[in-house]
């Protein structure tokens, strides 16, 4: 996970990382339906899932099972979203 200066910067970095993966042979896979804007890639039998939540770029790296990767990514997305919401309400 990485925190960027803006959501737009996080989206740009996600796009660039996706392009990087495809340059090295990754094939886009079906994206997790529960995470808006997520992208999934199959890189030689290992799965990458990347997504943006607010100013955070996060994801799952080198998962062998896409189903487990999707569950982990969804859990991570939910936790990041809760943290962002808590910070906003505490200001």
PDB file of N, CA and C in Angstrom:
ATOM      1  N   UNK A   1       0.845  -1.167   0.000  1.00  0.00           N
ATOM      2  CA  UNK A   1       0.000   0.000   0.000  1.00  0.00           C
ATOM      3  C   UNK A   1       0.891   1.231   0.000  1.00  0.00           C
ATOM      4  N   UNK A   2       0.437   2.243  -0.720  1.00  0.00           N
ATOM      5  CA  UNK A   2       1.169   3.495  -0.747  1.00  0.00           C
ATOM      6  C   UNK A   2       0.188   4.659  -0.662  1.00  0.00           C
ATOM      7  N   UNK A   3       0.540   5.657   0.104  1.00  0.00           N
ATOM      8  CA  UNK A   3      -0.279   6.871   0.247  1.00  0.00           C
ATOM      9  C   UNK A   3       0.265   7.912  -0.716  1.00  0.00           C
ATOM     10  N   UNK A   4      -0.613   8.466  -1.536  1.00  0.00           N
ATOM     11  CA  UNK A   4      -0.215   9.483  -2.507  1.00  0.00           C
ATOM     12  C   UNK A   4      -0.762  10.840  -2.078  1.00  0.00           C
ATOM     13  N   UNK A   5      -0.350  11.890  -2.746  1.00  0.00           N
ATOM     14  CA  UNK A   5      -0.785  13.247  -2.397  1.00  0.00           C
ATOM     15  C   UNK A   5      -2.239  13.534  -2.764  1.00  0.00           C
ATOM     16  N   UNK A   6      -2.791  12.780  -3.705  1.00  0.00           N
ATOM     17  CA  UNK A   6      -4.177  12.995  -4.132  1.00  0.00           C
ATOM     18  C   UNK A   6      -4.735  11.690  -4.695  1.00  0.00           C
ATOM     19  N   UNK A   7      -6.064  11.580  -4.720  1.00  0.00           N
ATOM     20  CA  UNK A   7      -6.657  10.405  -5.363  1.00  0.00           C
ATOM     21  C   UNK A   7      -6.264  10.292  -6.831  1.00  0.00           C
ATOM     22  N   UNK A   8      -6.142  11.423  -7.504  1.00  0.00           N
ATOM     23  CA  UNK A   8      -5.762  11.412  -8.919  1.00  0.00           C
ATOM     24  C   UNK A   8      -4.360  10.828  -9.108  1.00  0.00           C
ATOM     25  N   UNK A   9      -3.459  11.170  -8.207  1.00  0.00           N
ATOM     26  CA  UNK A   9      -2.107  10.618  -8.288  1.00  0.00           C
ATOM     27  C   UNK A   9      -2.123   9.111  -8.038  1.00  0.00           C
ATOM     28  N   UNK A  10      -2.951   8.665  -7.118  1.00  0.00           N
ATOM     29  CA  UNK A  10      -3.062   7.230  -6.842  1.00  0.00           C
ATOM     30  C   UNK A  10      -3.610   6.494  -8.073  1.00  0.00           C
ATOM     31  N   UNK A  11      -4.601   7.085  -8.745  1.00  0.00           N
ATOM     32  CA  UNK A  11      -5.171   6.479  -9.956  1.00  0.00           C
ATOM     33  C   UNK A  11      -4.117   6.427 -11.059  1.00  0.00           C
ATOM     34  N   UNK A  12      -3.346   7.490 -11.211  1.00  0.00           N
ATOM     35  CA  UNK A  12      -2.287   7.516 -12.229  1.00  0.00           C
ATOM     36  C   UNK A  12      -1.261   6.418 -11.962  1.00  0.00           C
ATOM     37  N   UNK A  13      -0.862   6.281 -10.709  1.00  0.00           N
ATOM     38  CA  UNK A  13       0.122   5.255 -10.355  1.00  0.00           C
ATOM     39  C   UNK A  13      -0.437   3.854 -10.597  1.00  0.00           C
ATOM     40  N   UNK A  14      -1.719   3.653 -10.305  1.00  0.00           N
ATOM     41  CA  UNK A  14      -2.363   2.351 -10.573  1.00  0.00           C
ATOM     42  C   UNK A  14      -2.309   2.029 -12.058  1.00  0.00           C
ATOM     43  N   UNK A  15      -2.659   3.021 -12.886  1.00  0.00           N
ATOM     44  CA  UNK A  15      -2.629   2.826 -14.335  1.00  0.00           C
ATOM     45  C   UNK A  15      -1.211   2.496 -14.809  1.00  0.00           C
ATOM     46  N   UNK A  16      -0.227   3.246 -14.319  1.00  0.00           N
ATOM     47  CA  UNK A  16       1.157   3.014 -14.729  1.00  0.00           C
ATOM     48  C   UNK A  16       1.660   1.641 -14.281  1.00  0.00           C
ATOM     49  N   UNK A  17       1.258   1.209 -13.089  1.00  0.00           N
ATOM     50  CA  UNK A  17       1.676  -0.116 -12.623  1.00  0.00           C
ATOM     51  C   UNK A  17       1.024  -1.203 -13.486  1.00  0.00           C
ATOM     52  N   UNK A  18      -0.240  -1.011 -13.847  1.00  0.00           N
ATOM     53  CA  UNK A  18      -0.908  -1.959 -14.742  1.00  0.00           C
ATOM     54  C   UNK A  18      -0.208  -2.049 -16.086  1.00  0.00           C
ATOM     55  N   UNK A  19       0.212  -0.904 -16.612  1.00  0.00           N
ATOM     56  CA  UNK A  19       0.957  -0.894 -17.880  1.00  0.00           C
ATOM     57  C   UNK A  19       2.299  -1.602 -17.731  1.00  0.00           C
ATOM     58  N   UNK A  20       2.955  -1.397 -16.598  1.00  0.00           N
ATOM     59  CA  UNK A  20       4.216  -2.074 -16.308  1.00  0.00           C
ATOM     60  C   UNK A  20       4.013  -3.590 -16.311  1.00  0.00           C
ATOM     61  N   UNK A  21       2.964  -4.050 -15.642  1.00  0.00           N
ATOM     62  CA  UNK A  21       2.699  -5.488 -15.588  1.00  0.00           C
ATOM     63  C   UNK A  21       2.467  -6.058 -16.986  1.00  0.00           C
ATOM     64  N   UNK A  22       1.683  -5.364 -17.800  1.00  0.00           N
ATOM     65  CA  UNK A  22       1.400  -5.891 -19.133  1.00  0.00           C
ATOM     66  C   UNK A  22       2.633  -5.887 -20.027  1.00  0.00           C
ATOM     67  N   UNK A  23       3.533  -4.935 -19.840  1.00  0.00           N
ATOM     68  CA  UNK A  23       4.785  -4.947 -20.613  1.00  0.00           C
ATOM     69  C   UNK A  23       5.606  -6.197 -20.325  1.00  0.00           C
ATOM     70  N   UNK A  24       5.450  -6.755 -19.136  1.00  0.00           N
ATOM     71  CA  UNK A  24       6.204  -7.954 -18.769  1.00  0.00           C
ATOM     72  C   UNK A  24       5.376  -9.224 -18.902  1.00  0.00           C
ATOM     73  N   UNK A  25       4.288  -9.144 -19.672  1.00  0.00           N
ATOM     74  CA  UNK A  25       3.545 -10.352 -20.015  1.00  0.00           C
ATOM     75  C   UNK A  25       2.283 -10.615 -19.235  1.00  0.00           C
ATOM     76  N   UNK A  26       1.910  -9.751 -18.312  1.00  0.00           N
ATOM     77  CA  UNK A  26       0.673  -9.969 -17.561  1.00  0.00           C
ATOM     78  C   UNK A  26      -0.520  -9.806 -18.490  1.00  0.00           C
ATOM     79  N   UNK A  27      -1.533 -10.597 -18.237  1.00  0.00           N
ATOM     80  CA  UNK A  27      -2.762 -10.555 -19.016  1.00  0.00           C
ATOM     81  C   UNK A  27      -3.872 -10.055 -18.092  1.00  0.00           C
ATOM     82  N   UNK A  28      -4.627  -9.040 -18.514  1.00  0.00           N
ATOM     83  CA  UNK A  28      -5.736  -8.597 -17.666  1.00  0.00           C
ATOM     84  C   UNK A  28      -6.672  -9.763 -17.358  1.00  0.00           C
ATOM     85  N   UNK A  29      -7.082  -9.840 -16.120  1.00  0.00           N
ATOM     86  CA  UNK A  29      -8.011 -10.875 -15.666  1.00  0.00           C
ATOM     87  C   UNK A  29      -9.308 -10.189 -15.240  1.00  0.00           C
ATOM     88  N   UNK A  30     -10.324 -10.973 -14.955  1.00  0.00           N
ATOM     89  CA  UNK A  30     -11.584 -10.405 -14.512  1.00  0.00           C
ATOM     90  C   UNK A  30     -11.374  -9.699 -13.180  1.00  0.00           C
ATOM     91  N   UNK A  31     -11.748  -8.429 -13.127  1.00  0.00           N
ATOM     92  CA  UNK A  31     -11.547  -7.626 -11.920  1.00  0.00           C
ATOM     93  C   UNK A  31     -12.547  -8.003 -10.838  1.00  0.00           C
ATOM     94  N   UNK A  32     -12.133  -7.871  -9.581  1.00  0.00           N
ATOM     95  CA  UNK A  32     -13.047  -8.179  -8.481  1.00  0.00           C
ATOM     96  C   UNK A  32     -14.280  -7.280  -8.531  1.00  0.00           C
ATOM     97  N   UNK A  33     -15.473  -7.851  -8.573  1.00  0.00           N
ATOM     98  CA  UNK A  33     -16.683  -7.040  -8.731  1.00  0.00           C
ATOM     99  C   UNK A  33     -17.009  -6.173  -7.521  1.00  0.00           C
ATOM    100  N   UNK A  34     -16.511  -6.520  -6.342  1.00  0.00           N
ATOM    101  CA  UNK A  34     -16.866  -5.781  -5.128  1.00  0.00           C
ATOM    102  C   UNK A  34     -15.975  -4.565  -4.877  1.00  0.00           C
ATOM    103  N   UNK A  35     -14.944  -4.363  -5.703  1.00  0.00           N
ATOM    104  CA  UNK A  35     -14.033  -3.242  -5.499  1.00  0.00           C
ATOM    105  C   UNK A  35     -14.100  -2.330  -6.722  1.00  0.00           C
ATOM    106  N   UNK A  36     -14.739  -1.175  -6.574  1.00  0.00           N
ATOM    107  CA  UNK A  36     -14.869  -0.267  -7.723  1.00  0.00           C
ATOM    108  C   UNK A  36     -13.504   0.139  -8.285  1.00  0.00           C
ATOM    109  N   UNK A  37     -13.354   0.025  -9.596  1.00  0.00           N
ATOM    110  CA  UNK A  37     -12.131   0.468 -10.250  1.00  0.00           C
ATOM    111  C   UNK A  37     -10.929  -0.436 -10.091  1.00  0.00           C
ATOM    112  N   UNK A  38     -11.106  -1.601  -9.473  1.00  0.00           N
ATOM    113  CA  UNK A  38      -9.977  -2.521  -9.286  1.00  0.00           C
ATOM    114  C   UNK A  38      -9.561  -3.111 -10.627  1.00  0.00           C
ATOM    115  N   UNK A  39      -8.312  -3.533 -10.686  1.00  0.00           N
ATOM    116  CA  UNK A  39      -7.799  -4.212 -11.873  1.00  0.00           C
ATOM    117  C   UNK A  39      -7.079  -5.474 -11.420  1.00  0.00           C
ATOM    118  N   UNK A  40      -7.250  -6.542 -12.174  1.00  0.00           N
ATOM    119  CA  UNK A  40      -6.596  -7.807 -11.860  1.00  0.00           C
ATOM    120  C   UNK A  40      -5.783  -8.252 -13.070  1.00  0.00           C
ATOM    121  N   UNK A  41      -4.658  -8.894 -12.792  1.00  0.00           N
ATOM    122  CA  UNK A  41      -3.760  -9.356 -13.844  1.00  0.00           C
ATOM    123  C   UNK A  41      -3.278 -10.756 -13.506  1.00  0.00           C
ATOM    124  N   UNK A  42      -3.087 -11.550 -14.550  1.00  0.00           N
ATOM    125  CA  UNK A  42      -2.493 -12.882 -14.427  1.00  0.00           C
ATOM    126  C   UNK A  42      -1.090 -12.792 -15.017  1.00  0.00           C
ATOM    127  N   UNK A  43      -0.112 -12.993 -14.167  1.00  0.00           N
ATOM    128  CA  UNK A  43       1.285 -12.934 -14.593  1.00  0.00           C
ATOM    129  C   UNK A  43       1.909 -14.301 -14.352  1.00  0.00           C
ATOM    130  N   UNK A  44       1.927 -15.108 -15.407  1.00  0.00           N
ATOM    131  CA  UNK A  44       2.511 -16.453 -15.353  1.00  0.00           C
ATOM    132  C   UNK A  44       1.916 -17.303 -14.236  1.00  0.00           C
ATOM    133  N   UNK A  45       0.590 -17.235 -14.096  1.00  0.00           N
ATOM    134  CA  UNK A  45      -0.085 -18.057 -13.097  1.00  0.00           C
ATOM    135  C   UNK A  45      -0.182 -17.443 -11.719  1.00  0.00           C
ATOM    136  N   UNK A  46       0.350 -16.265 -11.536  1.00  0.00           N
ATOM    137  CA  UNK A  46       0.221 -15.539 -10.278  1.00  0.00           C
ATOM    138  C   UNK A  46      -0.652 -14.313 -10.532  1.00  0.00           C
ATOM    139  N   UNK A  47      -1.469 -13.980  -9.552  1.00  0.00           N
ATOM    140  CA  UNK A  47      -2.424 -12.896  -9.741  1.00  0.00           C
ATOM    141  C   UNK A  47      -2.029 -11.651  -8.961  1.00  0.00           C
ATOM    142  N   UNK A  48      -2.244 -10.521  -9.609  1.00  0.00           N
ATOM    143  CA  UNK A  48      -2.053  -9.204  -9.006  1.00  0.00           C
ATOM    144  C   UNK A  48      -3.415  -8.525  -9.035  1.00  0.00           C
ATOM    145  N   UNK A  49      -3.807  -7.925  -7.935  1.00  0.00           N
ATOM    146  CA  UNK A  49      -5.012  -7.108  -7.897  1.00  0.00           C
ATOM    147  C   UNK A  49      -4.601  -5.753  -7.350  1.00  0.00           C
ATOM    148  N   UNK A  50      -4.944  -4.696  -8.074  1.00  0.00           N
ATOM    149  CA  UNK A  50      -4.605  -3.351  -7.617  1.00  0.00           C
ATOM    150  C   UNK A  50      -5.868  -2.485  -7.623  1.00  0.00           C
ATOM    151  N   UNK A  51      -5.933  -1.585  -6.651  1.00  0.00           N
ATOM    152  CA  UNK A  51      -7.101  -0.716  -6.537  1.00  0.00           C
ATOM    153  C   UNK A  51      -6.705   0.560  -5.811  1.00  0.00           C
ATOM    154  N   UNK A  52      -7.566   1.570  -5.967  1.00  0.00           N
ATOM    155  CA  UNK A  52      -7.369   2.859  -5.304  1.00  0.00           C
ATOM    156  C   UNK A  52      -8.530   3.093  -4.362  1.00  0.00           C
ATOM    157  N   UNK A  53      -8.212   3.494  -3.149  1.00  0.00           N
ATOM    158  CA  UNK A  53      -9.208   3.920  -2.176  1.00  0.00           C
ATOM    159  C   UNK A  53      -8.744   5.267  -1.648  1.00  0.00           C
ATOM    160  N   UNK A  54      -9.474   6.316  -2.011  1.00  0.00           N
ATOM    161  CA  UNK A  54      -9.111   7.679  -1.654  1.00  0.00           C
ATOM    162  C   UNK A  54      -7.706   7.976  -2.192  1.00  0.00           C
ATOM    163  N   UNK A  55      -6.760   8.257  -1.320  1.00  0.00           N
ATOM    164  CA  UNK A  55      -5.396   8.577  -1.758  1.00  0.00           C
ATOM    165  C   UNK A  55      -4.452   7.380  -1.663  1.00  0.00           C
ATOM    166  N   UNK A  56      -4.990   6.190  -1.509  1.00  0.00           N
ATOM    167  CA  UNK A  56      -4.173   5.000  -1.318  1.00  0.00           C
ATOM    168  C   UNK A  56      -4.235   4.080  -2.531  1.00  0.00           C
ATOM    169  N   UNK A  57      -3.072   3.638  -2.960  1.00  0.00           N
ATOM    170  CA  UNK A  57      -2.971   2.578  -3.958  1.00  0.00           C
ATOM    171  C   UNK A  57      -2.586   1.329  -3.179  1.00  0.00           C
ATOM    172  N   UNK A  58      -3.346   0.275  -3.357  1.00  0.00           N
ATOM    173  CA  UNK A  58      -3.090  -0.949  -2.608  1.00  0.00           C
ATOM    174  C   UNK A  58      -3.383  -2.149  -3.488  1.00  0.00           C
ATOM    175  N   UNK A  59      -3.014  -3.321  -2.999  1.00  0.00           N
ATOM    176  CA  UNK A  59      -3.330  -4.512  -3.761  1.00  0.00           C
ATOM    177  C   UNK A  59      -2.717  -5.772  -3.207  1.00  0.00           C
ATOM    178  N   UNK A  60      -2.937  -6.816  -3.947  1.00  0.00           N
ATOM    179  CA  UNK A  60      -2.451  -8.152  -3.610  1.00  0.00           C
ATOM    180  C   UNK A  60      -1.416  -8.532  -4.655  1.00  0.00           C
ATOM    181  N   UNK A  61      -0.288  -9.052  -4.207  1.00  0.00           N
ATOM    182  CA  UNK A  61       0.854  -9.338  -5.074  1.00  0.00           C
ATOM    183  C   UNK A  61       1.158 -10.835  -5.089  1.00  0.00           C
ATOM    184  N   UNK A  62       1.268 -11.396  -6.279  1.00  0.00           N
ATOM    185  CA  UNK A  62       1.679 -12.788  -6.511  1.00  0.00           C
ATOM    186  C   UNK A  62       0.826 -13.826  -5.790  1.00  0.00           C
ATOM    187  N   UNK A  63      -0.485 -13.683  -5.884  1.00  0.00           N
ATOM    188  CA  UNK A  63      -1.379 -14.683  -5.297  1.00  0.00           C
ATOM    189  C   UNK A  63      -1.516 -15.864  -6.251  1.00  0.00           C
ATOM    190  N   UNK A  64      -1.539 -17.063  -5.710  1.00  0.00           N
ATOM    191  CA  UNK A  64      -1.696 -18.255  -6.538  1.00  0.00           C
ATOM    192  C   UNK A  64      -3.157 -18.566  -6.829  1.00  0.00           C
ATOM    193  N   UNK A  65      -4.072 -18.063  -6.008  1.00  0.00           N
ATOM    194  CA  UNK A  65      -5.491 -18.354  -6.146  1.00  0.00           C
ATOM    195  C   UNK A  65      -6.253 -17.035  -6.279  1.00  0.00           C
ATOM    196  N   UNK A  66      -6.923 -16.823  -7.409  1.00  0.00           N
ATOM    197  CA  UNK A  66      -7.618 -15.562  -7.654  1.00  0.00           C
ATOM    198  C   UNK A  66      -8.750 -15.350  -6.659  1.00  0.00           C
ATOM    199  N   UNK A  67      -9.424 -16.390  -6.254  1.00  0.00           N
ATOM    200  CA  UNK A  67     -10.523 -16.259  -5.290  1.00  0.00           C
ATOM    201  C   UNK A  67     -10.040 -15.750  -3.948  1.00  0.00           C
ATOM    202  N   UNK A  68      -8.951 -16.326  -3.470  1.00  0.00           N
ATOM    203  CA  UNK A  68      -8.378 -15.870  -2.194  1.00  0.00           C
ATOM    204  C   UNK A  68      -7.862 -14.449  -2.338  1.00  0.00           C
ATOM    205  N   UNK A  69      -7.239 -14.144  -3.462  1.00  0.00           N
ATOM    206  CA  UNK A  69      -6.731 -12.788  -3.706  1.00  0.00           C
ATOM    207  C   UNK A  69      -7.871 -11.779  -3.674  1.00  0.00           C
ATOM    208  N   UNK A  70      -9.001 -12.131  -4.284  1.00  0.00           N
ATOM    209  CA  UNK A  70     -10.158 -11.226  -4.284  1.00  0.00           C
ATOM    210  C   UNK A  70     -10.673 -10.986  -2.878  1.00  0.00           C
ATOM    211  N   UNK A  71     -10.748 -12.036  -2.069  1.00  0.00           N
ATOM    212  CA  UNK A  71     -11.212 -11.884  -0.686  1.00  0.00           C
ATOM    213  C   UNK A  71     -10.260 -11.001   0.112  1.00  0.00           C
ATOM    214  N   UNK A  72      -8.966 -11.228  -0.042  1.00  0.00           N
ATOM    215  CA  UNK A  72      -7.987 -10.403   0.671  1.00  0.00           C
ATOM    216  C   UNK A  72      -8.035  -8.951   0.210  1.00  0.00           C
ATOM    217  N   UNK A  73      -8.166  -8.742  -1.091  1.00  0.00           N
ATOM    218  CA  UNK A  73      -8.236  -7.381  -1.629  1.00  0.00           C
ATOM    219  C   UNK A  73      -9.489  -6.670  -1.114  1.00  0.00           C
ATOM    220  N   UNK A  74     -10.607  -7.369  -1.078  1.00  0.00           N
ATOM    221  CA  UNK A  74     -11.844  -6.759  -0.592  1.00  0.00           C
ATOM    222  C   UNK A  74     -11.705  -6.382   0.879  1.00  0.00           C
ATOM    223  N   UNK A  75     -11.124  -7.269   1.669  1.00  0.00           N
ATOM    224  CA  UNK A  75     -10.911  -6.979   3.096  1.00  0.00           C
ATOM    225  C   UNK A  75      -9.998  -5.756   3.254  1.00  0.00           C
ATOM    226  N   UNK A  76      -8.932  -5.701   2.475  1.00  0.00           N
ATOM    227  CA  UNK A  76      -8.015  -4.572   2.540  1.00  0.00           C
ATOM    228  C   UNK A  76      -8.730  -3.285   2.144  1.00  0.00           C
ATOM    229  N   UNK A  77      -9.509  -3.340   1.077  1.00  0.00           N
ATOM    230  CA  UNK A  77     -10.276  -2.178   0.623  1.00  0.00           C
ATOM    231  C   UNK A  77     -11.203  -1.682   1.735  1.00  0.00           C
ATOM    232  N   UNK A  78     -11.906  -2.595   2.385  1.00  0.00           N
ATOM    233  CA  UNK A  78     -12.826  -2.228   3.462  1.00  0.00           C
ATOM    234  C   UNK A  78     -12.077  -1.576   4.628  1.00  0.00           C
ATOM    235  N   UNK A  79     -10.951  -2.128   5.007  1.00  0.00           N
ATOM    236  CA  UNK A  79     -10.177  -1.582   6.129  1.00  0.00           C
ATOM    237  C   UNK A  79      -9.650  -0.186   5.811  1.00  0.00           C
ATOM    238  N   UNK A  80      -9.151  -0.008   4.607  1.00  0.00           N
ATOM    239  CA  UNK A  80      -8.653   1.315   4.208  1.00  0.00           C
ATOM    240  C   UNK A  80      -9.812   2.311   4.193  1.00  0.00           C
ATOM    241  N   UNK A  81     -10.933   1.910   3.646  1.00  0.00           N
ATOM    242  CA  UNK A  81     -12.109   2.793   3.589  1.00  0.00           C
ATOM    243  C   UNK A  81     -12.552   3.210   4.990  1.00  0.00           C
ATOM    244  N   UNK A  82     -12.577   2.268   5.925  1.00  0.00           N
ATOM    245  CA  UNK A  82     -12.959   2.600   7.305  1.00  0.00           C
ATOM    246  C   UNK A  82     -11.975   3.587   7.913  1.00  0.00           C
ATOM    247  N   UNK A  83     -10.682   3.371   7.682  1.00  0.00           N
ATOM    248  CA  UNK A  83      -9.670   4.285   8.212  1.00  0.00           C
ATOM    249  C   UNK A  83      -9.824   5.686   7.652  1.00  0.00           C
ATOM    250  N   UNK A  84     -10.083   5.778   6.351  1.00  0.00           N
ATOM    251  CA  UNK A  84     -10.291   7.080   5.710  1.00  0.00           C
ATOM    252  C   UNK A  84     -11.522   7.751   6.309  1.00  0.00           C
ATOM    253  N   UNK A  85     -12.618   7.004   6.451  1.00  0.00           N
ATOM    254  CA  UNK A  85     -13.856   7.566   7.013  1.00  0.00           C
ATOM    255  C   UNK A  85     -13.643   8.036   8.454  1.00  0.00           C
ATOM    256  N   UNK A  86     -12.927   7.244   9.255  1.00  0.00           N
ATOM    257  CA  UNK A  86     -12.675   7.624  10.655  1.00  0.00           C
ATOM    258  C   UNK A  86     -11.868   8.910  10.737  1.00  0.00           C
ATOM    259  N   UNK A  87     -10.874   9.045   9.873  1.00  0.00           N
ATOM    260  CA  UNK A  87     -10.060  10.261   9.864  1.00  0.00           C
ATOM    261  C   UNK A  87     -10.887  11.481   9.487  1.00  0.00           C
ATOM    262  N   UNK A  88     -11.761  11.309   8.511  1.00  0.00           N
ATOM    263  CA  UNK A  88     -12.607  12.422   8.079  1.00  0.00           C
ATOM    264  C   UNK A  88     -13.562  12.878   9.169  1.00  0.00           C
ATOM    265  N   UNK A  89     -14.141  11.924   9.896  1.00  0.00           N
ATOM    266  CA  UNK A  89     -15.104  12.284  10.947  1.00  0.00           C
ATOM    267  C   UNK A  89     -14.432  12.815  12.201  1.00  0.00           C
ATOM    268  N   UNK A  90     -13.160  12.521  12.397  1.00  0.00           N
ATOM    269  CA  UNK A  90     -12.468  12.997  13.598  1.00  0.00           C
ATOM    270  C   UNK A  90     -11.893  14.405  13.420  1.00  0.00           C
ATOM    271  N   UNK A  91     -11.968  14.931  12.212  1.00  0.00           N
ATOM    272  CA  UNK A  91     -11.421  16.280  11.969  1.00  0.00           C
ATOM    273  C   UNK A  91     -12.394  17.348  12.396  1.00  0.00           C
TER     274      UNK A  91
END
